[in-house]
């Protein structure tokens, strides 16, 4: 009986962690999309880079067409803390 409760707890913990990670990635993508759209970007493709080695940031690979019609590729990091809104780009936007 105790072992089954431990397994149930571990499964629930894994599910909660997975849900949090999914929602966090979706929120990060939305912030990036909004940032680029405000600067005239179109055709924006964003993918999360998993296991980037930093526990306190999320890394994204981004491809978009800028306001001048040039296709650009860049990567960025977003702090995983809820109250921080900064996006740190590898290359200038």
Protein backbone atom coordinates (compact mmCIF):
# COMPACT_ATOMS: atom_id res chain seq x y z
CA UNK A 1 0.00 0.00 0.00
CA UNK A 2 2.77 2.47 0.87
CA UNK A 3 4.67 1.70 -2.32
CA UNK A 4 1.60 2.38 -4.48
CA UNK A 5 1.09 5.75 -2.76
CA UNK A 6 4.71 6.67 -3.43
CA UNK A 7 4.34 5.75 -7.12
CA UNK A 8 1.12 7.75 -7.40
CA UNK A 9 2.82 10.74 -5.76
CA UNK A 10 5.78 10.50 -8.14
CA UNK A 11 3.52 10.26 -11.19
CA UNK A 12 1.51 13.27 -10.01
CA UNK A 13 4.70 15.22 -9.41
CA UNK A 14 5.93 14.37 -12.90
CA UNK A 15 2.61 15.42 -14.46
CA UNK A 16 2.59 18.73 -12.58
CA UNK A 17 6.18 19.43 -13.61
CA UNK A 18 5.41 18.62 -17.24
CA UNK A 19 2.33 20.85 -17.25
CA UNK A 20 4.30 23.73 -15.71
CA UNK A 21 7.07 23.32 -18.29
CA UNK A 22 4.58 23.28 -21.17
CA UNK A 23 2.72 26.36 -19.95
CA UNK A 24 5.98 28.19 -19.28
CA UNK A 25 7.24 27.46 -22.81
CA UNK A 26 3.95 28.63 -24.33
CA UNK A 27 4.10 31.88 -22.34
CA UNK A 28 7.72 32.44 -23.39
CA UNK A 29 6.87 31.92 -27.06
CA UNK A 30 4.02 34.41 -26.78
CA UNK A 31 6.33 37.04 -25.27
CA UNK A 32 8.89 36.54 -28.05
CA UNK A 33 6.20 36.69 -30.74
CA UNK A 34 4.80 39.92 -29.29
CA UNK A 35 8.29 41.47 -29.05
CA UNK A 36 9.07 40.68 -32.70
CA UNK A 37 5.62 41.62 -34.03
CA UNK A 38 5.91 45.04 -32.39
CA UNK A 39 9.09 45.53 -34.44
CA UNK A 40 7.46 44.59 -37.74
CA UNK A 41 8.52 40.93 -37.95
CA UNK A 42 6.39 38.39 -39.80
CA UNK A 43 6.44 34.64 -40.42
CA UNK A 44 7.76 33.98 -36.91
CA UNK A 45 8.83 30.43 -35.97
CA UNK A 46 9.85 29.74 -32.37
CA UNK A 47 11.03 26.48 -30.84
CA UNK A 48 12.16 25.75 -27.32
CA UNK A 49 15.71 24.48 -26.86
CA UNK A 50 15.44 21.80 -24.18
CA UNK A 51 18.26 20.93 -21.82
CA UNK A 52 20.29 24.06 -22.52
CA UNK A 53 22.19 23.65 -19.27
CA UNK A 54 20.68 26.61 -17.43
CA UNK A 55 17.99 25.94 -14.87
CA UNK A 56 16.94 29.55 -14.38
CA UNK A 57 16.43 30.45 -18.06
CA UNK A 58 14.58 29.06 -21.04
CA UNK A 59 16.28 29.16 -24.44
CA UNK A 60 14.45 29.51 -27.75
CA UNK A 61 15.56 29.25 -31.38
CA UNK A 62 13.80 31.91 -33.45
CA UNK A 63 13.42 32.38 -37.21
CA UNK A 64 11.48 35.33 -38.65
CA UNK A 65 11.23 37.79 -41.51
CA UNK A 66 12.14 41.29 -40.36
CA UNK A 67 10.46 44.56 -41.41
CA UNK A 68 12.90 44.89 -44.35
CA UNK A 69 11.95 41.44 -45.70
CA UNK A 70 15.16 39.68 -44.62
CA UNK A 71 14.91 36.21 -43.09
CA UNK A 72 16.71 36.16 -39.74
CA UNK A 73 17.71 33.45 -37.29
CA UNK A 74 18.52 34.17 -33.69
CA UNK A 75 18.30 32.63 -30.26
CA UNK A 76 17.18 34.15 -27.01
CA UNK A 77 16.88 33.41 -23.33
CA UNK A 78 14.03 34.29 -21.05
CA UNK A 79 14.41 34.23 -17.31
CA UNK A 80 12.27 31.49 -15.79
CA UNK A 81 11.28 33.72 -12.88
CA UNK A 82 7.71 34.91 -13.16
CA UNK A 83 8.26 38.61 -12.47
CA UNK A 84 11.10 39.18 -14.93
CA UNK A 85 10.10 40.15 -18.47
CA UNK A 86 13.49 40.65 -20.12
CA UNK A 87 14.38 38.79 -23.31
CA UNK A 88 18.11 38.36 -23.86
CA UNK A 89 18.98 37.98 -27.56
CA UNK A 90 22.19 36.34 -28.79
CA UNK A 91 22.42 38.76 -31.75
CA UNK A 92 21.01 42.30 -31.87
CA UNK A 93 17.48 42.65 -33.21
